[in-house]
PDB file of all heavy atoms in Angstrom:
ATOM      1  N   SER A   1      21.173  -9.007   9.942  1.00  0.00           N
ATOM      2  CA  SER A   1      21.966  -7.796  10.159  1.00  0.00           C
ATOM      3  C   SER A   1      21.823  -6.771   9.038  1.00  0.00           C
ATOM      4  O   SER A   1      21.529  -5.603   9.303  1.00  0.00           O
ATOM      5  CB  SER A   1      23.441  -8.141  10.352  1.00  0.00           C
ATOM      6  OG  SER A   1      23.620  -8.869  11.523  1.00  0.00           O
ATOM      7  N   PRO A   2      21.995  -7.146   7.774  1.00  0.00           N
ATOM      8  CA  PRO A   2      21.850  -6.133   6.728  1.00  0.00           C
ATOM      9  C   PRO A   2      20.423  -5.600   6.614  1.00  0.00           C
ATOM     10  O   PRO A   2      20.217  -4.436   6.269  1.00  0.00           O
ATOM     11  CB  PRO A   2      22.271  -6.843   5.442  1.00  0.00           C
ATOM     12  CG  PRO A   2      22.535  -8.246   5.782  1.00  0.00           C
ATOM     13  CD  PRO A   2      22.457  -8.413   7.256  1.00  0.00           C
ATOM     14  N   VAL A   3      19.442  -6.437   6.941  1.00  0.00           N
ATOM     15  CA  VAL A   3      18.045  -5.992   6.892  1.00  0.00           C
ATOM     16  C   VAL A   3      17.812  -4.920   7.952  1.00  0.00           C
ATOM     17  O   VAL A   3      17.177  -3.887   7.685  1.00  0.00           O
ATOM     18  CB  VAL A   3      17.082  -7.191   7.091  1.00  0.00           C
ATOM     19  CG1 VAL A   3      15.643  -6.726   7.196  1.00  0.00           C
ATOM     20  CG2 VAL A   3      17.254  -8.192   5.966  1.00  0.00           C
ATOM     21  N   ILE A   4      18.349  -5.148   9.150  1.00  0.00           N
ATOM     22  CA  ILE A   4      18.213  -4.166  10.230  1.00  0.00           C
ATOM     23  C   ILE A   4      18.910  -2.865   9.849  1.00  0.00           C
ATOM     24  O   ILE A   4      18.362  -1.779  10.032  1.00  0.00           O
ATOM     25  CB  ILE A   4      18.806  -4.721  11.545  1.00  0.00           C
ATOM     26  CG1 ILE A   4      18.030  -5.932  12.007  1.00  0.00           C
ATOM     27  CG2 ILE A   4      18.871  -3.657  12.611  1.00  0.00           C
ATOM     28  CD1 ILE A   4      16.769  -5.678  12.750  1.00  0.00           C
ATOM     29  N   VAL A   5      20.118  -2.963   9.308  1.00  0.00           N
ATOM     30  CA  VAL A   5      20.851  -1.765   8.895  1.00  0.00           C
ATOM     31  C   VAL A   5      20.058  -1.012   7.821  1.00  0.00           C
ATOM     32  O   VAL A   5      19.918   0.204   7.875  1.00  0.00           O
ATOM     33  CB  VAL A   5      22.266  -2.125   8.385  1.00  0.00           C
ATOM     34  CG1 VAL A   5      22.927  -0.945   7.702  1.00  0.00           C
ATOM     35  CG2 VAL A   5      23.126  -2.617   9.543  1.00  0.00           C
ATOM     36  N   LEU A   6      19.525  -1.740   6.865  1.00  0.00           N
ATOM     37  CA  LEU A   6      18.783  -1.123   5.779  1.00  0.00           C
ATOM     38  C   LEU A   6      17.496  -0.454   6.263  1.00  0.00           C
ATOM     39  O   LEU A   6      17.229   0.693   5.938  1.00  0.00           O
ATOM     40  CB  LEU A   6      18.437  -2.181   4.713  1.00  0.00           C
ATOM     41  CG  LEU A   6      17.492  -1.725   3.608  1.00  0.00           C
ATOM     42  CD1 LEU A   6      18.216  -0.777   2.679  1.00  0.00           C
ATOM     43  CD2 LEU A   6      16.954  -2.919   2.845  1.00  0.00           C
ATOM     44  N   LEU A   7      16.727  -1.159   7.059  1.00  0.00           N
ATOM     45  CA  LEU A   7      15.388  -0.678   7.392  1.00  0.00           C
ATOM     46  C   LEU A   7      15.316   0.264   8.592  1.00  0.00           C
ATOM     47  O   LEU A   7      14.325   0.964   8.755  1.00  0.00           O
ATOM     48  CB  LEU A   7      14.448  -1.865   7.625  1.00  0.00           C
ATOM     49  CG  LEU A   7      14.193  -2.746   6.409  1.00  0.00           C
ATOM     50  CD1 LEU A   7      13.275  -3.898   6.778  1.00  0.00           C
ATOM     51  CD2 LEU A   7      13.611  -1.939   5.270  1.00  0.00           C
ATOM     52  N   SER A   8      16.328   0.280   9.437  1.00  0.00           N
ATOM     53  CA  SER A   8      16.242   1.116  10.639  1.00  0.00           C
ATOM     54  C   SER A   8      16.683   2.549  10.411  1.00  0.00           C
ATOM     55  O   SER A   8      16.535   3.384  11.288  1.00  0.00           O
ATOM     56  CB  SER A   8      17.057   0.503  11.775  1.00  0.00           C
ATOM     57  OG  SER A   8      18.423   0.548  11.456  1.00  0.00           O
ATOM     58  N   GLY A   9      17.233   2.836   9.259  1.00  0.00           N
ATOM     59  CA  GLY A   9      17.670   4.204   8.985  1.00  0.00           C
ATOM     60  C   GLY A   9      19.027   4.524   9.571  1.00  0.00           C
ATOM     61  O   GLY A   9      19.317   5.668   9.879  1.00  0.00           O
ATOM     62  N   MET A  10      19.871   3.527   9.710  1.00  0.00           N
ATOM     63  CA  MET A  10      21.203   3.775  10.263  1.00  0.00           C
ATOM     64  C   MET A  10      22.052   4.637   9.333  1.00  0.00           C
ATOM     65  O   MET A  10      22.784   5.492   9.795  1.00  0.00           O
ATOM     66  CB  MET A  10      21.931   2.452  10.518  1.00  0.00           C
ATOM     67  CG  MET A  10      21.456   1.721  11.714  1.00  0.00           C
ATOM     68  SD  MET A  10      22.491   0.274  11.979  1.00  0.00           S
ATOM     69  CE  MET A  10      21.537  -0.577  13.197  1.00  0.00           C
ATOM     70  N   MET A  11      21.972   4.394   8.037  1.00  0.00           N
ATOM     71  CA  MET A  11      22.880   5.064   7.104  1.00  0.00           C
ATOM     72  C   MET A  11      22.207   6.094   6.202  1.00  0.00           C
ATOM     73  O   MET A  11      22.877   6.912   5.615  1.00  0.00           O
ATOM     74  CB  MET A  11      23.575   4.037   6.214  1.00  0.00           C
ATOM     75  CG  MET A  11      24.372   3.036   6.988  1.00  0.00           C
ATOM     76  SD  MET A  11      25.590   3.849   8.008  1.00  0.00           S
ATOM     77  CE  MET A  11      25.699   2.721   9.351  1.00  0.00           C
ATOM     78  N   PHE A  12      20.917   6.013   6.061  1.00  0.00           N
ATOM     79  CA  PHE A  12      20.192   6.973   5.234  1.00  0.00           C
ATOM     80  C   PHE A  12      18.795   7.125   5.812  1.00  0.00           C
ATOM     81  O   PHE A  12      18.333   6.286   6.576  1.00  0.00           O
ATOM     82  CB  PHE A  12      20.150   6.540   3.760  1.00  0.00           C
ATOM     83  CG  PHE A  12      19.531   5.192   3.553  1.00  0.00           C
ATOM     84  CD1 PHE A  12      18.160   5.061   3.393  1.00  0.00           C
ATOM     85  CD2 PHE A  12      20.306   4.059   3.534  1.00  0.00           C
ATOM     86  CE1 PHE A  12      17.585   3.821   3.231  1.00  0.00           C
ATOM     87  CE2 PHE A  12      19.746   2.816   3.371  1.00  0.00           C
ATOM     88  CZ  PHE A  12      18.375   2.700   3.211  1.00  0.00           C
ATOM     89  N   PRO A  13      18.104   8.199   5.483  1.00  0.00           N
ATOM     90  CA  PRO A  13      16.797   8.460   6.080  1.00  0.00           C
ATOM     91  C   PRO A  13      15.762   7.391   5.728  1.00  0.00           C
ATOM     92  O   PRO A  13      15.681   6.949   4.584  1.00  0.00           O
ATOM     93  CB  PRO A  13      16.378   9.805   5.488  1.00  0.00           C
ATOM     94  CG  PRO A  13      17.519  10.313   4.705  1.00  0.00           C
ATOM     95  CD  PRO A  13      18.524   9.241   4.559  1.00  0.00           C
ATOM     96  N   VAL A  14      14.996   7.000   6.722  1.00  0.00           N
ATOM     97  CA  VAL A  14      13.904   6.058   6.508  1.00  0.00           C
ATOM     98  C   VAL A  14      12.918   6.628   5.489  1.00  0.00           C
ATOM     99  O   VAL A  14      12.306   5.892   4.724  1.00  0.00           O
ATOM    100  CB  VAL A  14      13.194   5.759   7.855  1.00  0.00           C
ATOM    101  CG1 VAL A  14      11.927   4.957   7.649  1.00  0.00           C
ATOM    102  CG2 VAL A  14      14.142   5.029   8.786  1.00  0.00           C
ATOM    103  N   GLN A  15      12.802   7.950   5.453  1.00  0.00           N
ATOM    104  CA  GLN A  15      11.882   8.595   4.524  1.00  0.00           C
ATOM    105  C   GLN A  15      12.272   8.342   3.072  1.00  0.00           C
ATOM    106  O   GLN A  15      11.457   8.522   2.167  1.00  0.00           O
ATOM    107  CB  GLN A  15      11.829  10.112   4.777  1.00  0.00           C
ATOM    108  CG  GLN A  15      11.310  10.477   6.135  1.00  0.00           C
ATOM    109  CD  GLN A  15      12.400  10.525   7.213  1.00  0.00           C
ATOM    110  OE1 GLN A  15      13.481   9.953   7.079  1.00  0.00           O
ATOM    111  NE2 GLN A  15      12.103  11.212   8.306  1.00  0.00           N
ATOM    112  N   ALA A  16      13.528   7.918   2.826  1.00  0.00           N
ATOM    113  CA  ALA A  16      13.973   7.617   1.466  1.00  0.00           C
ATOM    114  C   ALA A  16      13.585   6.202   1.039  1.00  0.00           C
ATOM    115  O   ALA A  16      13.688   5.865  -0.130  1.00  0.00           O
ATOM    116  CB  ALA A  16      15.489   7.792   1.355  1.00  0.00           C
ATOM    117  N   LEU A  17      13.133   5.376   1.997  1.00  0.00           N
ATOM    118  CA  LEU A  17      12.684   4.027   1.657  1.00  0.00           C
ATOM    119  C   LEU A  17      11.405   4.100   0.837  1.00  0.00           C
ATOM    120  O   LEU A  17      10.607   5.031   0.996  1.00  0.00           O
ATOM    121  CB  LEU A  17      12.406   3.217   2.927  1.00  0.00           C
ATOM    122  CG  LEU A  17      13.587   2.780   3.767  1.00  0.00           C
ATOM    123  CD1 LEU A  17      13.115   2.222   5.099  1.00  0.00           C
ATOM    124  CD2 LEU A  17      14.402   1.737   3.034  1.00  0.00           C
ATOM    125  N   PRO A  18      11.167   3.108  -0.003  1.00  0.00           N
ATOM    126  CA  PRO A  18       9.872   3.060  -0.680  1.00  0.00           C
ATOM    127  C   PRO A  18       8.743   3.000   0.363  1.00  0.00           C
ATOM    128  O   PRO A  18       8.925   2.458   1.457  1.00  0.00           O
ATOM    129  CB  PRO A  18       9.938   1.765  -1.492  1.00  0.00           C
ATOM    130  CG  PRO A  18      11.400   1.479  -1.649  1.00  0.00           C
ATOM    131  CD  PRO A  18      12.059   2.046  -0.424  1.00  0.00           C
ATOM    132  N   ALA A  19       7.601   3.538   0.020  1.00  0.00           N
ATOM    133  CA  ALA A  19       6.483   3.650   0.971  1.00  0.00           C
ATOM    134  C   ALA A  19       6.082   2.311   1.580  1.00  0.00           C
ATOM    135  O   ALA A  19       5.722   2.247   2.757  1.00  0.00           O
ATOM    136  CB  ALA A  19       5.287   4.304   0.286  1.00  0.00           C
ATOM    137  N   TRP A  20       6.185   1.225   0.841  1.00  0.00           N
ATOM    138  CA  TRP A  20       5.756  -0.068   1.357  1.00  0.00           C
ATOM    139  C   TRP A  20       6.727  -0.637   2.395  1.00  0.00           C
ATOM    140  O   TRP A  20       6.354  -1.513   3.182  1.00  0.00           O
ATOM    141  CB  TRP A  20       5.531  -1.063   0.218  1.00  0.00           C
ATOM    142  CG  TRP A  20       6.760  -1.391  -0.582  1.00  0.00           C
ATOM    143  CD1 TRP A  20       7.241  -0.715  -1.665  1.00  0.00           C
ATOM    144  CD2 TRP A  20       7.658  -2.473  -0.360  1.00  0.00           C
ATOM    145  NE1 TRP A  20       8.395  -1.290  -2.130  1.00  0.00           N
ATOM    146  CE2 TRP A  20       8.674  -2.389  -1.355  1.00  0.00           C
ATOM    147  CE3 TRP A  20       7.722  -3.503   0.568  1.00  0.00           C
ATOM    148  CZ2 TRP A  20       9.718  -3.292  -1.440  1.00  0.00           C
ATOM    149  CZ3 TRP A  20       8.762  -4.395   0.479  1.00  0.00           C
ATOM    150  CH2 TRP A  20       9.744  -4.296  -0.511  1.00  0.00           C
ATOM    151  N   LEU A  21       7.978  -0.141   2.423  1.00  0.00           N
ATOM    152  CA  LEU A  21       8.953  -0.600   3.419  1.00  0.00           C
ATOM    153  C   LEU A  21       8.923   0.227   4.711  1.00  0.00           C
ATOM    154  O   LEU A  21       9.390  -0.230   5.748  1.00  0.00           O
ATOM    155  CB  LEU A  21      10.370  -0.547   2.842  1.00  0.00           C
ATOM    156  CG  LEU A  21      10.798  -1.713   1.981  1.00  0.00           C
ATOM    157  CD1 LEU A  21      12.184  -1.479   1.408  1.00  0.00           C
ATOM    158  CD2 LEU A  21      10.767  -3.010   2.755  1.00  0.00           C
ATOM    159  N   GLN A  22       8.375   1.417   4.664  1.00  0.00           N
ATOM    160  CA  GLN A  22       8.394   2.295   5.834  1.00  0.00           C
ATOM    161  C   GLN A  22       7.631   1.725   7.032  1.00  0.00           C
ATOM    162  O   GLN A  22       8.108   1.855   8.162  1.00  0.00           O
ATOM    163  CB  GLN A  22       7.924   3.688   5.452  1.00  0.00           C
ATOM    164  CG  GLN A  22       8.939   4.386   4.566  1.00  0.00           C
ATOM    165  CD  GLN A  22       8.560   5.798   4.205  1.00  0.00           C
ATOM    166  OE1 GLN A  22       7.717   6.416   4.852  1.00  0.00           O
ATOM    167  NE2 GLN A  22       9.190   6.331   3.166  1.00  0.00           N
ATOM    168  N   PRO A  23       6.472   1.059   6.871  1.00  0.00           N
ATOM    169  CA  PRO A  23       5.827   0.448   8.048  1.00  0.00           C
ATOM    170  C   PRO A  23       6.665  -0.667   8.681  1.00  0.00           C
ATOM    171  O   PRO A  23       6.659  -0.838   9.896  1.00  0.00           O
ATOM    172  CB  PRO A  23       4.507  -0.101   7.493  1.00  0.00           C
ATOM    173  CG  PRO A  23       4.263   0.661   6.244  1.00  0.00           C
ATOM    174  CD  PRO A  23       5.616   1.000   5.690  1.00  0.00           C
ATOM    175  N   ILE A  24       7.397  -1.411   7.859  1.00  0.00           N
ATOM    176  CA  ILE A  24       8.276  -2.458   8.392  1.00  0.00           C
ATOM    177  C   ILE A  24       9.398  -1.802   9.194  1.00  0.00           C
ATOM    178  O   ILE A  24       9.757  -2.266  10.273  1.00  0.00           O
ATOM    179  CB  ILE A  24       8.828  -3.336   7.251  1.00  0.00           C
ATOM    180  CG1 ILE A  24       7.681  -4.044   6.541  1.00  0.00           C
ATOM    181  CG2 ILE A  24       9.844  -4.340   7.781  1.00  0.00           C
ATOM    182  CD1 ILE A  24       8.061  -4.722   5.244  1.00  0.00           C
ATOM    183  N   SER A  25       9.921  -0.703   8.674  1.00  0.00           N
ATOM    184  CA  SER A  25      10.955   0.047   9.380  1.00  0.00           C
ATOM    185  C   SER A  25      10.456   0.536  10.731  1.00  0.00           C
ATOM    186  O   SER A  25      11.185   0.519  11.725  1.00  0.00           O
ATOM    187  CB  SER A  25      11.406   1.226   8.520  1.00  0.00           C
ATOM    188  OG  SER A  25      12.296   2.042   9.233  1.00  0.00           O
ATOM    189  N   ALA A  26       9.212   0.965  10.772  1.00  0.00           N
ATOM    190  CA  ALA A  26       8.628   1.481  12.018  1.00  0.00           C
ATOM    191  C   ALA A  26       8.487   0.399  13.082  1.00  0.00           C
ATOM    192  O   ALA A  26       8.376   0.705  14.271  1.00  0.00           O
ATOM    193  CB  ALA A  26       7.275   2.125  11.739  1.00  0.00           C
ATOM    194  N   ALA A  27       8.504  -0.875  12.684  1.00  0.00           N
ATOM    195  CA  ALA A  27       8.378  -1.974  13.649  1.00  0.00           C
ATOM    196  C   ALA A  27       9.712  -2.337  14.294  1.00  0.00           C
ATOM    197  O   ALA A  27       9.747  -3.129  15.237  1.00  0.00           O
ATOM    198  CB  ALA A  27       7.782  -3.204  12.954  1.00  0.00           C
ATOM    199  N   ILE A  28      10.802  -1.750  13.830  1.00  0.00           N
ATOM    200  CA  ILE A  28      12.126  -2.063  14.364  1.00  0.00           C
ATOM    201  C   ILE A  28      12.462  -1.066  15.474  1.00  0.00           C
ATOM    202  O   ILE A  28      12.447   0.145  15.240  1.00  0.00           O
ATOM    203  CB  ILE A  28      13.187  -2.003  13.236  1.00  0.00           C
ATOM    204  CG1 ILE A  28      12.849  -3.036  12.156  1.00  0.00           C
ATOM    205  CG2 ILE A  28      14.584  -2.244  13.789  1.00  0.00           C
ATOM    206  CD1 ILE A  28      13.707  -2.932  10.916  1.00  0.00           C
ATOM    207  N   PRO A  29      12.762  -1.536  16.678  1.00  0.00           N
ATOM    208  CA  PRO A  29      13.055  -0.620  17.790  1.00  0.00           C
ATOM    209  C   PRO A  29      14.203   0.350  17.505  1.00  0.00           C
ATOM    210  O   PRO A  29      14.182   1.492  17.959  1.00  0.00           O
ATOM    211  CB  PRO A  29      13.419  -1.554  18.952  1.00  0.00           C
ATOM    212  CG  PRO A  29      12.839  -2.868  18.607  1.00  0.00           C
ATOM    213  CD  PRO A  29      12.800  -2.942  17.116  1.00  0.00           C
ATOM    214  N   LEU A  30      15.202  -0.085  16.756  1.00  0.00           N
ATOM    215  CA  LEU A  30      16.335   0.796  16.468  1.00  0.00           C
ATOM    216  C   LEU A  30      15.924   2.039  15.683  1.00  0.00           C
ATOM    217  O   LEU A  30      16.516   3.092  15.842  1.00  0.00           O
ATOM    218  CB  LEU A  30      17.400   0.055  15.672  1.00  0.00           C
ATOM    219  CG  LEU A  30      18.292  -0.871  16.474  1.00  0.00           C
ATOM    220  CD1 LEU A  30      19.206  -1.663  15.561  1.00  0.00           C
ATOM    221  CD2 LEU A  30      19.098  -0.112  17.493  1.00  0.00           C
ATOM    222  N   THR A  31      14.899   1.914  14.847  1.00  0.00           N
ATOM    223  CA  THR A  31      14.422   3.062  14.078  1.00  0.00           C
ATOM    224  C   THR A  31      14.020   4.189  15.019  1.00  0.00           C
ATOM    225  O   THR A  31      14.386   5.348  14.841  1.00  0.00           O
ATOM    226  CB  THR A  31      13.228   2.651  13.186  1.00  0.00           C
ATOM    227  OG1 THR A  31      13.612   1.566  12.367  1.00  0.00           O
ATOM    228  CG2 THR A  31      12.758   3.812  12.330  1.00  0.00           C
ATOM    229  N   HIS A  32      13.275   3.846  16.053  1.00  0.00           N
ATOM    230  CA  HIS A  32      12.790   4.856  16.997  1.00  0.00           C
ATOM    231  C   HIS A  32      13.912   5.348  17.904  1.00  0.00           C
ATOM    232  O   HIS A  32      13.979   6.534  18.247  1.00  0.00           O
ATOM    233  CB  HIS A  32      11.621   4.291  17.805  1.00  0.00           C
ATOM    234  CG  HIS A  32      10.518   3.828  16.917  1.00  0.00           C
ATOM    235  ND1 HIS A  32       9.712   4.694  16.218  1.00  0.00           N
ATOM    236  CD2 HIS A  32      10.130   2.580  16.563  1.00  0.00           C
ATOM    237  CE1 HIS A  32       8.846   4.013  15.492  1.00  0.00           C
ATOM    238  NE2 HIS A  32       9.079   2.724  15.682  1.00  0.00           N
ATOM    239  N   GLY A  33      14.816   4.442  18.295  1.00  0.00           N
ATOM    240  CA  GLY A  33      15.963   4.850  19.101  1.00  0.00           C
ATOM    241  C   GLY A  33      16.845   5.838  18.362  1.00  0.00           C
ATOM    242  O   GLY A  33      17.312   6.829  18.916  1.00  0.00           O
TER     243      GLY A  33
END
């Protein structure tokens, strides 16, 4: 649960994640939703 919240961009922009985490974020359906 916290990983999904962190990586999907629920609370802050995915663009603020370090570059190496952004591809992992892109694999989560919630990010695109």
